[in-house]
N, C-alpha and C. Protein backbone atom coordinates (compact mmCIF):
# COMPACT_ATOMS: atom_id res chain seq x y z
N MET A 1 106.91 96.50 121.37
CA MET A 1 106.15 96.51 119.47
C MET A 1 106.57 97.05 118.02
N HIS A 2 106.49 96.46 117.48
CA HIS A 2 106.89 97.12 116.23
C HIS A 2 105.78 96.92 114.77
N ALA A 3 105.93 98.07 113.85
CA ALA A 3 105.17 98.05 112.93
C ALA A 3 105.84 98.88 111.86
N LEU A 4 105.28 98.15 110.79
CA LEU A 4 105.80 98.44 108.95
C LEU A 4 104.70 99.24 108.69
N ILE A 5 104.49 100.15 108.60
CA ILE A 5 104.02 100.77 107.32
C ILE A 5 104.17 101.78 106.54
N VAL A 6 103.90 100.80 104.91
CA VAL A 6 104.37 101.04 103.43
C VAL A 6 103.58 101.49 102.97
N VAL A 7 103.66 102.61 102.31
CA VAL A 7 102.69 103.26 101.71
C VAL A 7 103.55 103.76 100.32
N GLY A 8 102.56 103.62 99.30
CA GLY A 8 102.31 103.00 97.49
C GLY A 8 102.32 103.98 97.25
N HIS A 9 102.42 106.14 97.62
CA HIS A 9 102.12 106.13 96.73
C HIS A 9 103.66 107.44 96.28
N HIS A 10 103.18 107.90 94.96
CA HIS A 10 104.44 109.00 95.29
C HIS A 10 104.27 109.95 95.10
N ASP A 11 103.66 111.02 94.89
CA ASP A 11 103.88 111.97 95.93
C ASP A 11 103.81 112.39 97.53
N PRO A 12 104.48 112.91 97.99
CA PRO A 12 104.81 112.74 99.20
C PRO A 12 104.60 113.78 99.68
N HIS A 13 103.39 114.85 99.44
CA HIS A 13 102.26 115.01 99.88
C HIS A 13 100.97 115.03 99.98
N SER A 14 100.64 114.15 99.55
CA SER A 14 99.29 113.40 99.57
C SER A 14 98.91 113.27 100.65
N LEU A 15 96.91 112.72 100.58
CA LEU A 15 96.59 112.42 101.56
C LEU A 15 96.66 111.31 102.07
N THR A 16 97.33 109.85 100.41
CA THR A 16 98.11 109.05 101.52
C THR A 16 99.06 108.99 102.69
N HIS A 17 100.17 109.65 102.00
CA HIS A 17 101.17 109.89 103.21
C HIS A 17 100.73 110.48 104.42
N ALA A 18 99.85 111.81 104.44
CA ALA A 18 100.12 112.31 105.78
C ALA A 18 98.67 111.27 107.04
N LEU A 19 97.98 109.95 105.77
CA LEU A 19 97.04 108.75 106.45
C LEU A 19 98.60 108.38 107.12
N ALA A 20 99.70 107.47 106.67
CA ALA A 20 100.33 107.09 107.20
C ALA A 20 101.47 108.16 108.49
N ARG A 21 101.78 109.34 108.26
CA ARG A 21 102.24 109.55 109.12
C ARG A 21 101.20 109.74 110.27
N GLN A 22 100.01 109.95 110.07
CA GLN A 22 98.90 110.06 111.14
C GLN A 22 99.04 108.61 111.86
N VAL A 23 98.41 107.25 111.23
CA VAL A 23 98.64 106.11 111.82
C VAL A 23 100.41 105.81 112.74
N ALA A 24 101.26 106.70 112.58
CA ALA A 24 102.59 106.36 113.21
C ALA A 24 102.95 107.65 114.11
N ASP A 25 101.56 108.32 114.22
CA ASP A 25 101.23 109.12 115.18
C ASP A 25 100.69 108.98 116.09
N GLY A 26 100.10 107.89 116.07
CA GLY A 26 98.77 107.36 117.00
C GLY A 26 99.17 106.28 118.03
N LEU A 27 100.47 105.53 117.21
CA LEU A 27 101.30 104.35 117.84
C LEU A 27 101.99 105.36 118.79
N ALA A 28 102.61 106.15 118.53
CA ALA A 28 103.81 106.63 118.50
C ALA A 28 103.42 107.13 120.57
N SER A 29 102.14 107.66 120.27
CA SER A 29 100.92 108.37 121.24
C SER A 29 100.92 107.60 122.45
N VAL A 30 101.46 106.37 121.61
CA VAL A 30 99.87 105.04 122.50
C VAL A 30 101.71 104.69 122.87
N GLY A 31 102.85 104.46 122.79
CA GLY A 31 103.31 103.99 122.60
C GLY A 31 104.72 104.42 124.20
N LEU A 32 104.22 106.38 124.46
CA LEU A 32 104.71 106.74 125.88
C LEU A 32 104.28 106.26 126.08
N ALA A 33 103.84 105.45 126.35
CA ALA A 33 103.49 105.04 127.85
C ALA A 33 103.76 104.16 127.74
N SER A 34 103.65 102.76 127.12
CA SER A 34 103.93 101.17 126.42
C SER A 34 105.44 101.07 125.90
N VAL A 35 106.79 101.55 127.10
CA VAL A 35 108.20 101.40 126.31
C VAL A 35 107.83 99.97 125.42
N GLY A 36 107.68 100.44 124.25
CA GLY A 36 108.82 99.57 123.62
C GLY A 36 107.19 99.62 122.12
N HIS A 37 106.96 100.47 121.60
CA HIS A 37 105.90 100.47 120.75
C HIS A 37 107.11 101.06 119.62
N SER A 38 106.65 100.72 118.36
CA SER A 38 107.17 102.13 117.86
C SER A 38 106.82 101.38 116.14
N SER A 39 108.15 102.54 115.18
CA SER A 39 106.68 102.05 114.07
C SER A 39 107.95 102.32 112.79
N GLU A 40 107.50 101.94 111.73
CA GLU A 40 108.72 102.20 110.45
C GLU A 40 108.13 102.62 109.07
N ILE A 41 108.16 103.63 108.46
CA ILE A 41 107.68 104.16 107.18
C ILE A 41 108.44 103.72 106.15
N ALA A 42 107.32 102.86 105.71
CA ALA A 42 108.85 102.48 104.05
C ALA A 42 108.03 103.05 103.19
N ASP A 43 108.82 104.28 103.16
CA ASP A 43 108.26 104.96 101.08
C ASP A 43 108.60 104.90 100.22
N LEU A 44 108.20 103.81 99.74
CA LEU A 44 108.74 102.93 97.82
C LEU A 44 108.97 104.26 96.90
N ALA A 45 107.90 104.62 97.05
CA ALA A 45 108.63 105.62 95.84
C ALA A 45 109.79 106.72 96.52
N SER A 46 110.73 107.83 97.35
CA SER A 46 110.74 107.94 97.47
C SER A 46 112.13 107.20 97.79
N GLU A 47 112.51 105.66 98.31
CA GLU A 47 113.38 105.04 97.97
C GLU A 47 113.92 104.43 97.30
N GLY A 48 112.98 104.51 96.69
CA GLY A 48 113.44 103.77 94.90
C GLY A 48 113.21 102.73 95.00
N PHE A 49 111.63 101.77 94.91
CA PHE A 49 112.59 100.63 94.79
C PHE A 49 111.24 100.09 94.19
N ASP A 50 111.88 99.57 92.83
CA ASP A 50 111.31 99.15 92.03
C ASP A 50 110.18 98.09 91.53
N PRO A 51 109.34 97.70 91.40
CA PRO A 51 108.21 97.29 91.31
C PRO A 51 107.90 96.50 90.06
N ARG A 52 109.07 96.53 89.24
CA ARG A 52 108.75 96.08 88.07
C ARG A 52 109.20 94.17 88.30
N PHE A 53 107.82 92.85 88.25
CA PHE A 53 108.59 91.69 88.49
C PHE A 53 109.90 91.69 87.00
N SER A 54 111.50 91.40 87.35
CA SER A 54 112.18 90.62 86.19
C SER A 54 112.50 90.14 85.72
N LEU A 55 113.03 89.47 84.85
CA LEU A 55 114.30 87.64 85.35
C LEU A 55 114.97 87.38 86.14
N ALA A 56 115.70 87.99 87.44
CA ALA A 56 116.16 87.87 88.20
C ALA A 56 114.50 87.38 89.72
N ASP A 57 113.48 88.33 88.84
CA ASP A 57 112.65 87.77 89.91
C ASP A 57 111.81 87.01 89.95
N HIS A 58 111.45 86.58 88.21
CA HIS A 58 111.17 84.70 88.03
C HIS A 58 112.24 83.99 88.13
N ALA A 59 113.28 84.01 87.83
CA ALA A 59 114.38 82.38 88.93
C ALA A 59 114.04 82.55 89.97
N VAL A 60 113.73 84.09 90.64
CA VAL A 60 113.76 83.37 92.37
C VAL A 60 112.44 82.68 92.45
N HIS A 61 111.14 82.71 91.69
CA HIS A 61 109.98 81.78 91.77
C HIS A 61 110.44 80.70 91.58
N ARG A 62 111.14 80.40 90.23
CA ARG A 62 111.02 78.95 90.19
C ARG A 62 113.30 78.17 91.25
N ARG A 63 112.83 79.15 92.30
CA ARG A 63 114.20 78.62 92.84
C ARG A 63 115.61 77.99 92.29
N LEU A 64 115.47 79.48 90.77
CA LEU A 64 116.77 79.16 90.91
C LEU A 64 118.19 79.87 91.19
N ALA A 65 116.83 81.13 91.64
CA ALA A 65 118.99 81.95 92.30
C ALA A 65 118.21 82.42 93.57
N ALA A 66 118.85 83.51 94.92
CA ALA A 66 118.02 83.82 95.71
C ALA A 66 117.75 85.28 95.62
N PRO A 67 116.29 85.33 96.20
CA PRO A 67 116.20 87.40 96.05
C PRO A 67 117.56 88.31 96.18
N PRO A 68 116.85 89.36 94.57
CA PRO A 68 117.97 90.56 95.28
C PRO A 68 117.40 91.50 96.17
N ALA A 69 118.82 91.89 96.26
CA ALA A 69 119.42 92.71 97.65
C ALA A 69 118.13 93.57 98.56
N ASP A 70 117.45 93.85 96.95
CA ASP A 70 116.27 94.99 97.55
C ASP A 70 115.02 93.78 97.83
N VAL A 71 114.87 93.26 98.15
CA VAL A 71 113.82 92.65 98.05
C VAL A 71 113.94 91.47 99.31
N LEU A 72 115.22 91.24 99.82
CA LEU A 72 115.98 90.62 100.82
C LEU A 72 115.82 92.13 101.91
N ASN A 73 115.96 93.04 101.19
CA ASN A 73 116.05 94.15 102.92
C ASN A 73 114.51 94.58 102.90
N GLU A 74 113.40 94.56 102.25
CA GLU A 74 112.09 94.45 102.11
C GLU A 74 111.97 92.96 103.33
N GLN A 75 112.19 91.74 102.92
CA GLN A 75 111.89 91.01 103.24
C GLN A 75 112.62 91.08 105.13
N THR A 76 113.45 91.75 105.04
CA THR A 76 113.93 92.13 106.94
C THR A 76 113.18 92.81 107.28
N ARG A 77 113.15 93.93 107.19
CA ARG A 77 111.67 94.67 107.54
C ARG A 77 110.04 94.42 107.56
N ILE A 78 110.03 93.06 107.15
CA ILE A 78 108.54 92.60 107.33
C ILE A 78 108.86 91.75 108.92
N GLU A 79 109.82 90.62 108.70
CA GLU A 79 110.87 89.93 109.51
C GLU A 79 110.56 90.47 111.10
N ARG A 80 110.77 91.95 110.75
CA ARG A 80 110.97 92.88 112.55
C ARG A 80 109.20 93.32 113.11
N ALA A 81 108.64 93.05 112.07
CA ALA A 81 107.63 94.12 112.93
C ALA A 81 106.74 92.85 113.03
N ASP A 82 105.77 93.54 114.07
CA ASP A 82 104.88 92.86 114.19
C ASP A 82 103.75 93.19 113.90
N ALA A 83 103.35 94.60 113.40
CA ALA A 83 101.68 94.35 112.96
C ALA A 83 102.48 95.10 111.11
N LEU A 84 102.18 95.33 109.94
CA LEU A 84 101.81 95.16 108.63
C LEU A 84 101.46 96.45 108.35
N VAL A 85 101.28 97.35 107.84
CA VAL A 85 100.06 98.11 107.52
C VAL A 85 100.77 98.73 106.37
N LEU A 86 99.66 98.60 105.38
CA LEU A 86 100.08 99.21 103.89
C LEU A 86 98.46 100.73 103.65
N VAL A 87 99.54 101.52 103.29
CA VAL A 87 98.67 102.28 103.20
C VAL A 87 98.68 103.12 101.80
N TYR A 88 97.62 103.17 101.10
CA TYR A 88 97.29 103.29 99.11
C TYR A 88 96.47 103.88 98.91
N PRO A 89 96.70 104.15 97.89
CA PRO A 89 95.60 104.89 96.63
C PRO A 89 95.46 103.63 95.88
N ILE A 90 93.20 103.76 95.83
CA ILE A 90 92.75 101.90 94.91
C ILE A 90 92.89 103.55 93.83
N TYR A 91 93.92 102.20 92.93
CA TYR A 91 93.31 102.67 91.32
C TYR A 91 93.31 101.52 90.71
N TRP A 92 91.89 101.89 89.90
CA TRP A 92 91.26 101.18 88.78
C TRP A 92 90.81 99.81 89.98
N TRP A 93 89.92 100.26 91.83
CA TRP A 93 89.66 99.51 91.52
C TRP A 93 91.05 98.30 92.67
N SER A 94 91.81 98.42 92.45
CA SER A 94 92.50 97.93 92.77
C SER A 94 94.12 98.98 93.50
N LEU A 95 95.53 97.93 94.54
CA LEU A 95 96.72 97.90 95.02
C LEU A 95 96.93 99.06 93.37
N PRO A 96 97.28 100.46 93.90
CA PRO A 96 98.33 101.17 92.62
C PRO A 96 99.72 99.93 92.74
N ALA A 97 100.04 100.15 90.43
CA ALA A 97 101.67 99.62 90.54
C ALA A 97 102.36 99.40 91.16
N LEU A 98 102.78 99.99 91.90
CA LEU A 98 104.11 100.48 92.56
C LEU A 98 103.70 99.22 94.09
N LEU A 99 102.46 99.56 95.18
CA LEU A 99 102.36 98.75 95.99
C LEU A 99 102.74 97.29 94.97
N LYS A 100 101.49 96.67 94.18
CA LYS A 100 101.24 96.00 93.34
C LYS A 100 102.50 94.72 93.21
N GLY A 101 103.61 95.81 93.17
CA GLY A 101 104.95 95.21 92.17
C GLY A 101 105.43 94.92 93.70
N TRP A 102 105.45 95.73 93.97
CA TRP A 102 105.88 95.67 95.83
C TRP A 102 105.68 93.82 96.67
N VAL A 103 105.05 93.48 96.46
CA VAL A 103 104.27 92.47 96.44
C VAL A 103 104.40 91.50 95.92
N GLU A 104 104.43 91.38 94.68
CA GLU A 104 104.59 90.61 93.80
C GLU A 104 106.49 90.19 94.04
N ARG A 105 107.20 90.81 93.69
CA ARG A 105 108.14 90.45 94.25
C ARG A 105 109.05 90.47 95.43
N VAL A 106 108.01 90.69 96.31
CA VAL A 106 108.21 90.86 97.40
C VAL A 106 108.18 89.13 98.56
N PHE A 107 106.72 89.21 97.94
CA PHE A 107 106.10 87.79 98.52
C PHE A 107 105.81 86.48 97.91
N SER A 108 107.83 86.60 97.96
CA SER A 108 108.43 86.21 97.19
C SER A 108 107.45 83.93 97.11
N ASN A 109 107.40 83.31 96.31
CA ASN A 109 107.83 81.49 96.13
C ASN A 109 109.13 81.15 97.13
N GLY A 110 109.40 80.58 98.48
CA GLY A 110 110.24 80.01 99.27
C GLY A 110 109.78 81.02 100.15
N TRP A 111 109.88 81.90 100.69
CA TRP A 111 109.83 83.18 101.15
C TRP A 111 108.21 83.43 102.32
N ALA A 112 107.37 83.26 101.60
CA ALA A 112 106.01 84.33 102.23
C ALA A 112 105.26 82.76 102.05
N PHE A 113 105.72 81.91 100.42
CA PHE A 113 104.96 79.87 100.59
C PHE A 113 105.83 79.58 99.76
N ASP A 114 105.07 77.68 99.76
CA ASP A 114 105.91 77.17 99.18
C ASP A 114 105.54 75.77 98.49
N TYR A 115 106.12 75.14 98.51
CA TYR A 115 105.02 73.76 97.88
C TYR A 115 104.94 72.28 98.97
N ASP A 116 104.82 71.32 98.95
CA ASP A 116 105.31 70.68 99.20
C ASP A 116 104.51 69.67 98.30
N GLU A 117 104.11 68.62 97.71
CA GLU A 117 103.43 67.78 96.61
C GLU A 117 102.21 68.31 96.50
N GLY A 118 101.78 69.44 95.79
CA GLY A 118 100.94 69.81 95.72
C GLY A 118 100.71 70.53 96.75
N THR A 119 100.81 70.61 97.77
CA THR A 119 99.68 71.10 98.91
C THR A 119 100.87 72.53 99.00
N THR A 120 99.67 73.77 98.56
CA THR A 120 100.81 74.71 99.13
C THR A 120 101.08 75.53 100.54
N ILE A 121 102.32 75.82 100.43
CA ILE A 121 102.63 76.15 102.83
C ILE A 121 102.76 77.23 102.56
N LYS A 122 102.12 77.88 103.67
CA LYS A 122 101.77 79.23 104.24
C LYS A 122 102.30 79.71 105.35
N LYS A 123 103.55 79.88 105.02
CA LYS A 123 104.83 80.70 105.74
C LYS A 123 105.09 82.12 105.81
N LEU A 124 104.21 82.31 106.26
CA LEU A 124 103.77 84.04 106.69
C LEU A 124 102.63 83.96 107.91
N ARG A 125 102.25 83.19 108.40
CA ARG A 125 100.82 82.27 109.83
C ARG A 125 101.36 83.31 110.82
N GLY A 126 100.61 83.90 111.66
CA GLY A 126 100.96 85.30 112.70
C GLY A 126 101.89 86.46 112.00
N MET A 127 101.14 87.05 111.08
CA MET A 127 101.85 87.79 110.47
C MET A 127 100.27 88.87 110.82
N LYS A 128 100.84 89.95 111.27
CA LYS A 128 99.06 90.88 111.21
C LYS A 128 99.46 91.86 110.56
N VAL A 129 97.62 91.83 109.34
CA VAL A 129 98.10 92.88 108.37
C VAL A 129 96.39 94.18 108.28
N HIS A 130 96.91 95.58 108.22
CA HIS A 130 96.65 96.50 108.40
C HIS A 130 95.89 97.17 107.04
N LEU A 131 94.57 96.95 106.47
CA LEU A 131 94.89 97.95 105.19
C LEU A 131 93.88 99.25 104.62
N ILE A 132 94.89 100.13 104.78
CA ILE A 132 94.02 101.06 104.45
C ILE A 132 94.12 101.71 102.92
N GLY A 133 93.17 101.17 102.36
CA GLY A 133 92.57 101.58 100.87
C GLY A 133 92.33 103.76 100.88
N VAL A 134 92.28 104.55 99.46
CA VAL A 134 91.82 105.80 99.65
C VAL A 134 91.53 106.07 98.42
N ALA A 135 89.91 105.81 98.61
CA ALA A 135 89.58 105.96 96.92
C ALA A 135 88.84 107.41 97.35
N GLY A 136 88.44 108.13 95.82
CA GLY A 136 88.46 109.67 95.09
C GLY A 136 86.75 108.48 94.62
N ALA A 137 86.07 107.16 94.87
CA ALA A 137 84.87 107.37 94.70
C ALA A 137 84.10 107.11 95.86
N ASP A 138 82.82 107.38 96.32
CA ASP A 138 82.00 107.47 97.40
C ASP A 138 81.69 105.51 98.10
N THR A 139 82.08 104.97 98.59
CA THR A 139 81.09 103.83 99.25
C THR A 139 80.40 103.65 98.37
N GLY A 140 79.15 103.92 98.51
CA GLY A 140 78.40 103.93 97.25
C GLY A 140 77.44 103.08 96.15
N THR A 141 79.40 103.59 95.18
CA THR A 141 79.71 103.37 94.53
C THR A 141 80.42 101.76 94.24
N PHE A 142 81.33 101.26 95.17
CA PHE A 142 82.06 100.01 95.48
C PHE A 142 81.09 99.39 95.49
N GLU A 143 79.66 99.87 96.54
CA GLU A 143 78.99 98.33 97.15
C GLU A 143 78.11 98.28 95.94
N ARG A 144 77.57 99.72 94.90
CA ARG A 144 77.21 98.73 93.28
C ARG A 144 77.64 98.04 93.14
N HIS A 145 79.13 98.13 92.74
CA HIS A 145 79.23 97.35 91.17
C HIS A 145 80.06 96.24 91.90
N GLY A 146 79.60 96.08 93.36
CA GLY A 146 81.12 94.69 93.82
C GLY A 146 82.63 95.07 93.97
N TYR A 147 82.92 95.98 94.17
CA TYR A 147 84.20 96.36 94.49
C TYR A 147 84.82 96.38 95.43
N GLY A 148 84.57 96.56 96.14
CA GLY A 148 84.72 96.42 97.55
C GLY A 148 85.08 95.18 98.13
N GLU A 149 83.97 94.33 97.62
CA GLU A 149 83.85 92.61 97.61
C GLU A 149 84.88 92.08 96.92
N ALA A 150 85.03 93.09 94.99
CA ALA A 150 86.60 91.99 94.90
C ALA A 150 87.62 92.34 95.14
N MET A 151 87.90 93.74 95.70
CA MET A 151 88.88 93.54 96.28
C MET A 151 89.14 92.85 97.68
N ARG A 152 88.57 92.57 98.47
CA ARG A 152 88.30 91.40 99.67
C ARG A 152 89.51 89.82 98.86
N VAL A 153 88.32 89.65 98.32
CA VAL A 153 88.56 88.68 96.73
C VAL A 153 90.56 88.86 96.11
N GLN A 154 90.64 89.44 96.21
CA GLN A 154 92.32 89.77 95.83
C GLN A 154 93.18 89.87 96.91
N ILE A 155 93.05 91.56 97.90
CA ILE A 155 94.47 91.29 98.63
C ILE A 155 93.92 90.08 100.01
N GLU A 156 92.73 90.32 100.87
CA GLU A 156 92.96 89.61 101.36
C GLU A 156 92.57 88.77 101.59
N HIS A 157 92.06 87.75 100.50
CA HIS A 157 91.82 86.28 100.33
C HIS A 157 93.13 85.75 99.15
N GLY A 158 93.08 86.79 98.68
CA GLY A 158 94.38 86.17 97.50
C GLY A 158 95.76 86.27 97.31
N ILE A 159 95.89 86.93 98.04
CA ILE A 159 97.16 87.83 98.59
C ILE A 159 98.25 87.31 100.05
N PHE A 160 96.85 87.98 100.84
CA PHE A 160 97.25 87.60 102.59
C PHE A 160 96.80 86.13 103.36
N ASP A 161 95.88 86.30 102.53
CA ASP A 161 95.98 84.70 103.52
C ASP A 161 96.01 82.84 102.46
N TYR A 162 96.45 83.66 101.39
CA TYR A 162 97.18 82.68 100.55
C TYR A 162 98.89 82.55 100.67
N CYS A 163 98.83 83.60 101.69
CA CYS A 163 100.66 83.36 103.04
C CYS A 163 100.10 82.98 104.02
N GLY A 164 99.14 82.77 104.28
CA GLY A 164 98.67 82.79 106.11
C GLY A 164 98.11 83.62 106.99
N ALA A 165 98.79 84.98 106.85
CA ALA A 165 98.79 86.38 106.83
C ALA A 165 97.78 87.13 107.76
N GLU A 166 97.03 87.32 108.57
CA GLU A 166 96.26 87.20 108.93
C GLU A 166 95.76 89.46 109.20
N VAL A 167 94.51 89.76 107.89
CA VAL A 167 94.59 90.89 107.87
C VAL A 167 93.28 91.19 108.84
N LEU A 168 93.94 92.01 110.33
CA LEU A 168 93.24 92.54 111.13
C LEU A 168 92.11 93.07 111.24
N SER A 169 92.24 94.42 109.83
CA SER A 169 91.35 95.27 109.48
C SER A 169 91.85 95.58 108.12
N SER A 170 91.30 96.43 107.75
CA SER A 170 89.90 96.74 106.11
C SER A 170 89.71 98.41 106.29
N THR A 171 89.96 99.15 105.50
CA THR A 171 89.57 100.41 106.27
C THR A 171 89.25 100.92 104.44
N LEU A 172 88.79 101.61 104.43
CA LEU A 172 87.96 101.58 103.03
C LEU A 172 87.57 103.66 103.08
N LEU A 173 88.41 104.46 102.66
CA LEU A 173 88.13 105.87 103.47
C LEU A 173 87.61 105.94 101.92
N ASP A 174 86.79 106.32 101.01
CA ASP A 174 86.48 107.40 100.19
C ASP A 174 86.13 108.61 100.58
N ASP A 175 85.66 108.98 98.66
CA ASP A 175 85.55 110.10 98.60
C ASP A 175 86.01 111.23 99.12
N SER A 176 87.62 110.83 98.63
CA SER A 176 89.03 111.35 99.81
C SER A 176 89.08 112.61 99.06
N GLU A 177 88.53 113.03 97.50
CA GLU A 177 88.61 114.18 97.13
C GLU A 177 87.23 115.26 97.87
N GLY A 178 86.17 114.96 98.55
CA GLY A 178 85.44 115.88 99.54
C GLY A 178 86.46 116.43 100.66
N PRO A 179 85.25 116.79 100.87
CA PRO A 179 85.25 118.00 102.82
C PRO A 179 85.77 116.14 104.13
N ASP A 180 85.87 115.64 103.25
CA ASP A 180 86.38 114.71 105.21
C ASP A 180 87.17 114.46 104.58
N GLN A 181 88.25 114.46 104.43
CA GLN A 181 89.43 114.73 104.42
C GLN A 181 90.33 115.17 106.43
N ALA A 182 90.10 115.41 107.28
CA ALA A 182 89.87 115.51 108.29
C ALA A 182 89.75 114.54 108.90
N ALA A 183 88.31 113.91 108.90
CA ALA A 183 87.96 112.92 109.36
C ALA A 183 88.44 111.98 109.10
N HIS A 184 89.26 111.82 107.31
CA HIS A 184 89.44 109.95 107.24
C HIS A 184 91.63 110.50 108.23
N LEU A 185 91.43 111.59 108.62
CA LEU A 185 93.11 111.37 109.20
C LEU A 185 93.10 111.28 110.70
N HIS A 186 91.73 111.77 111.05
CA HIS A 186 91.19 111.64 112.33
C HIS A 186 91.24 109.25 112.80
N HIS A 187 90.91 109.51 112.00
CA HIS A 187 90.02 107.77 111.43
C HIS A 187 91.42 107.31 111.89
N ALA A 188 92.78 108.11 111.11
CA ALA A 188 94.07 106.56 111.13
C ALA A 188 95.27 107.32 112.05
N LEU A 189 94.52 107.83 112.17
CA LEU A 189 95.22 108.41 114.20
C LEU A 189 94.75 106.69 114.65
N ALA A 190 93.07 107.41 115.36
CA ALA A 190 92.41 105.41 116.14
C ALA A 190 93.36 104.73 115.69
N LEU A 191 93.62 104.47 114.32
CA LEU A 191 93.86 103.40 114.25
C LEU A 191 95.22 102.51 114.59
N GLY A 192 95.98 103.63 114.47
CA GLY A 192 97.73 103.72 115.21
C GLY A 192 96.93 103.81 116.63
N LYS A 193 96.73 104.64 117.07
CA LYS A 193 95.91 104.46 119.06
C LYS A 193 96.15 102.91 119.07
N LYS A 194 94.64 101.78 117.78
CA LYS A 194 94.76 100.74 119.01
C LYS A 194 95.27 99.22 117.71
N LEU A 195 96.60 100.13 117.51
CA LEU A 195 97.25 98.99 115.99
C LEU A 195 97.25 97.40 117.11
N PHE A 196 98.18 97.79 118.20
CA PHE A 196 98.54 96.39 118.89
C PHE A 196 97.20 96.07 119.95
N ALA A 197 96.87 97.01 120.60
CA ALA A 197 96.24 96.15 120.61
C ALA A 197 94.19 94.76 120.21
N ASP A 198 94.73 95.22 119.21
CA ASP A 198 94.58 94.11 117.45
C ASP A 198 95.35 93.29 117.60
N CYS A 199 95.96 93.67 117.53
CA CYS A 199 97.39 92.17 117.59
C CYS A 199 97.02 91.42 118.98
N GLN A 200 97.20 92.23 119.76
CA GLN A 200 97.28 91.26 121.09
C GLN A 200 95.94 90.45 121.30
N ALA A 201 94.76 91.70 121.14
CA ALA A 201 93.80 90.36 121.27
C ALA A 201 93.57 89.16 120.16
N ALA A 202 94.58 89.13 118.67
CA ALA A 202 94.41 87.88 118.40
C ALA A 202 95.45 87.28 117.87
N ALA A 203 96.20 87.33 119.05
CA ALA A 203 97.00 86.09 119.18
C ALA A 203 96.51 84.92 119.71
């Protein structure tokens, strides 16, 4: 089984990138005993993915043009995967622009969803998703202001459920600039180890 781990951070030395590598390492450690487990890290920043939704993307949305090559490449990578893992810093209580733009461009009309006489067709049924958000604030701040619920509605429901994908886990790693970074890395390693156990249980 294959996991695509998408990293939405510009700094390769960030905690976000370290967490993505831990997920991959956890999966690899299980893969030693389960032949066929593998992962790919999609580092959107280093790969130069352009998150800007352009006139060309608008034409794709209106079904007037085929998706450009960079979007097709990302869609192909997702289609190869049995699990999609997004690892990202939380900026202004949501996805960072790099990752949000990736979603806007890649999860396009005709590929992720479609319409039929006023009914939305969810085209990504069967996709299994794991979310790992890295926050500077503590959990109490998210709870007091409702930021966690807002993110759940926007991301889990508004993006993935809209397309038919199933979010199997959504992890908030809070206080990321505090003393608990080692615990966060351990958590990511554990998630990688049980990644496909969750997928198989949901199948």
